[in-house]
């Protein structure tokens, strides 16, 4: 029984030592989207991100001395995450300034009321959803790519 906590501690230490920038990006992404995205998307994101981190932890536990994965994919994950975080926080601040409920500008109707150009509203809504969805795909590729790096 006493081996399991030490094993978990070792896996947590390995994750933080090898991929802390990526894990930190995932955590901040989750905080940012929880401010304004619907709960179903937050839960889906938590499932994808949790599965990716658990998969990496399992990989590190099975081969403690292996490399952490492709640094390019890790860098793309960080860049994509920061872009999604910045975009999410930007629209969160806009919603707060306009005294709109959180997530109102994630829907075409909310943007159409806030802007006079429906094309601009549609583009903004798609950009917000696409940036976060692409980040989740990159998280999955990063986790799966880390297994192949061995």
Protein backbone atom coordinates (compact mmCIF):
# COMPACT_ATOMS: atom_id res chain seq x y z
CA UNK A 1 0.00 0.00 0.00
CA UNK A 2 2.81 2.43 0.77
CA UNK A 3 4.26 1.90 -2.72
CA UNK A 4 1.28 3.46 -4.49
CA UNK A 5 1.63 6.98 -3.00
CA UNK A 6 5.36 6.93 -3.76
CA UNK A 7 4.59 5.72 -7.28
CA UNK A 8 2.04 8.48 -7.79
CA UNK A 9 4.49 11.01 -6.43
CA UNK A 10 7.18 9.74 -8.81
CA UNK A 11 4.80 9.95 -11.78
CA UNK A 12 3.69 13.45 -10.78
CA UNK A 13 7.30 14.51 -10.39
CA UNK A 14 8.16 13.03 -13.80
CA UNK A 15 5.26 14.89 -15.43
CA UNK A 16 6.23 18.18 -13.83
CA UNK A 17 9.91 17.74 -14.61
CA UNK A 18 9.49 16.67 -18.23
CA UNK A 19 6.39 18.44 -19.51
CA UNK A 20 5.54 21.16 -16.99
CA UNK A 21 5.03 23.92 -19.62
CA UNK A 22 2.48 21.78 -21.45
CA UNK A 23 0.70 20.71 -18.26
CA UNK A 24 0.58 24.33 -17.06
CA UNK A 25 -0.85 25.41 -20.43
CA UNK A 26 -3.56 22.74 -20.14
CA UNK A 27 -4.45 23.88 -16.61
CA UNK A 28 -4.67 27.57 -17.56
CA UNK A 29 -6.71 26.63 -20.66
CA UNK A 30 -9.20 24.80 -18.45
CA UNK A 31 -9.51 27.81 -16.13
CA UNK A 32 -10.02 30.19 -19.07
CA UNK A 33 -12.71 28.15 -20.79
CA UNK A 34 -14.54 27.54 -17.52
CA UNK A 35 -15.14 31.31 -17.33
CA UNK A 36 -17.40 31.41 -20.38
CA UNK A 37 -17.83 28.18 -22.32
CA UNK A 38 -20.83 25.91 -21.71
CA UNK A 39 -20.38 23.17 -19.14
CA UNK A 40 -20.65 20.41 -21.73
CA UNK A 41 -17.58 21.81 -23.52
CA UNK A 42 -15.71 22.30 -20.24
CA UNK A 43 -16.45 18.68 -19.30
CA UNK A 44 -15.40 17.43 -22.76
CA UNK A 45 -12.18 19.42 -22.44
CA UNK A 46 -11.55 18.03 -18.96
CA UNK A 47 -12.07 14.52 -20.31
CA UNK A 48 -9.65 15.02 -23.23
CA UNK A 49 -7.02 16.80 -21.14
CA UNK A 50 -7.34 14.37 -18.23
CA UNK A 51 -7.04 11.38 -20.55
CA UNK A 52 -3.97 12.88 -22.21
CA UNK A 53 -2.20 13.59 -18.92
CA UNK A 54 -3.17 10.15 -17.54
CA UNK A 55 -1.85 8.52 -20.72
CA UNK A 56 1.43 10.41 -20.40
CA UNK A 57 1.69 9.44 -16.74
CA UNK A 58 1.20 5.81 -17.71
CA UNK A 59 3.89 6.13 -20.40
CA UNK A 60 6.33 7.69 -17.93
CA UNK A 61 5.58 5.01 -15.34
CA UNK A 62 6.29 2.21 -17.81
CA UNK A 63 9.52 3.78 -19.09
CA UNK A 64 10.88 6.33 -16.61
CA UNK A 65 14.03 7.13 -18.58
CA UNK A 66 12.40 7.67 -21.97
CA UNK A 67 12.27 11.08 -23.65
CA UNK A 68 9.21 13.26 -23.07
CA UNK A 69 8.19 13.31 -26.74
CA UNK A 70 8.56 15.50 -29.78
CA UNK A 71 9.52 19.01 -28.65
CA UNK A 72 7.89 20.51 -31.76
CA UNK A 73 4.48 19.07 -30.85
CA UNK A 74 4.97 20.29 -27.28
CA UNK A 75 5.77 23.77 -28.57
CA UNK A 76 2.75 23.74 -30.89
CA UNK A 77 0.59 22.72 -27.91
CA UNK A 78 1.87 25.66 -25.86
CA UNK A 79 1.42 28.13 -28.73
CA UNK A 80 -2.06 26.91 -29.57
CA UNK A 81 -3.02 26.90 -25.91
CA UNK A 82 -1.80 30.44 -25.36
CA UNK A 83 -3.69 31.63 -28.45
CA UNK A 84 -6.90 29.95 -27.25
CA UNK A 85 -6.43 31.34 -23.75
CA UNK A 86 -5.82 34.88 -25.06
CA UNK A 87 -8.85 34.75 -27.36
CA UNK A 88 -11.08 33.34 -24.63
CA UNK A 89 -9.98 35.97 -22.10
CA UNK A 90 -10.34 38.76 -24.67
CA UNK A 91 -13.99 37.90 -25.28
CA UNK A 92 -14.56 37.33 -21.58
CA UNK A 93 -13.39 40.92 -20.93
CA UNK A 94 -15.61 42.20 -23.76
CA UNK A 95 -18.60 40.41 -22.24
CA UNK A 96 -17.83 41.91 -18.84
CA UNK A 97 -17.48 45.42 -20.29
CA UNK A 98 -20.80 45.09 -22.13
CA UNK A 99 -22.35 43.57 -18.98
CA UNK A 100 -23.38 40.45 -20.89
CA UNK A 101 -23.74 37.03 -19.31
CA UNK A 102 -20.63 34.83 -19.64
CA UNK A 103 -20.59 32.99 -22.95
CA UNK A 104 -23.14 35.26 -24.64
CA UNK A 105 -20.68 36.06 -27.43
CA UNK A 106 -20.12 32.35 -28.14
CA UNK A 107 -23.40 32.33 -30.02
CA UNK A 108 -24.26 34.03 -33.28
CA UNK A 109 -27.31 35.73 -31.76
CA UNK A 110 -25.19 37.36 -29.05
CA UNK A 111 -22.68 38.67 -31.57
CA UNK A 112 -25.35 39.91 -33.96
CA UNK A 113 -26.77 42.05 -31.17
CA UNK A 114 -23.31 43.38 -30.25
CA UNK A 115 -22.17 44.13 -33.83
CA UNK A 116 -23.93 45.42 -36.91
CA UNK A 117 -22.14 43.03 -39.31
CA UNK A 118 -23.44 39.42 -39.31
CA UNK A 119 -20.35 38.22 -41.21
CA UNK A 120 -18.10 39.59 -38.48
CA UNK A 121 -20.27 37.96 -35.84
CA UNK A 122 -20.17 34.56 -37.59
CA UNK A 123 -16.39 34.76 -38.05
CA UNK A 124 -15.83 35.61 -34.39
CA UNK A 125 -18.06 32.79 -33.13
CA UNK A 126 -16.33 30.24 -35.38
CA UNK A 127 -12.88 31.48 -34.37
CA UNK A 128 -13.63 31.10 -30.66
CA UNK A 129 -14.96 27.55 -30.97
CA UNK A 130 -12.36 26.46 -33.54
CA UNK A 131 -9.36 27.69 -31.56
CA UNK A 132 -10.39 25.73 -28.48
CA UNK A 133 -11.33 22.63 -30.47
CA UNK A 134 -8.02 22.67 -32.33
CA UNK A 135 -6.20 22.92 -29.00
CA UNK A 136 -7.96 19.77 -27.79
CA UNK A 137 -6.93 17.91 -30.96
CA UNK A 138 -3.32 19.04 -30.44
CA UNK A 139 -3.43 17.79 -26.83
CA UNK A 140 -4.49 14.37 -28.12
CA UNK A 141 -1.77 14.30 -30.79
CA UNK A 142 0.80 15.39 -28.20
CA UNK A 143 -0.14 12.59 -25.81
CA UNK A 144 -0.22 9.92 -28.51
CA UNK A 145 3.02 11.23 -30.04
CA UNK A 146 4.77 10.96 -26.70
CA UNK A 147 4.18 7.21 -26.68
CA UNK A 148 5.83 6.85 -30.10
CA UNK A 149 8.89 8.87 -29.06
CA UNK A 150 10.23 5.94 -27.08
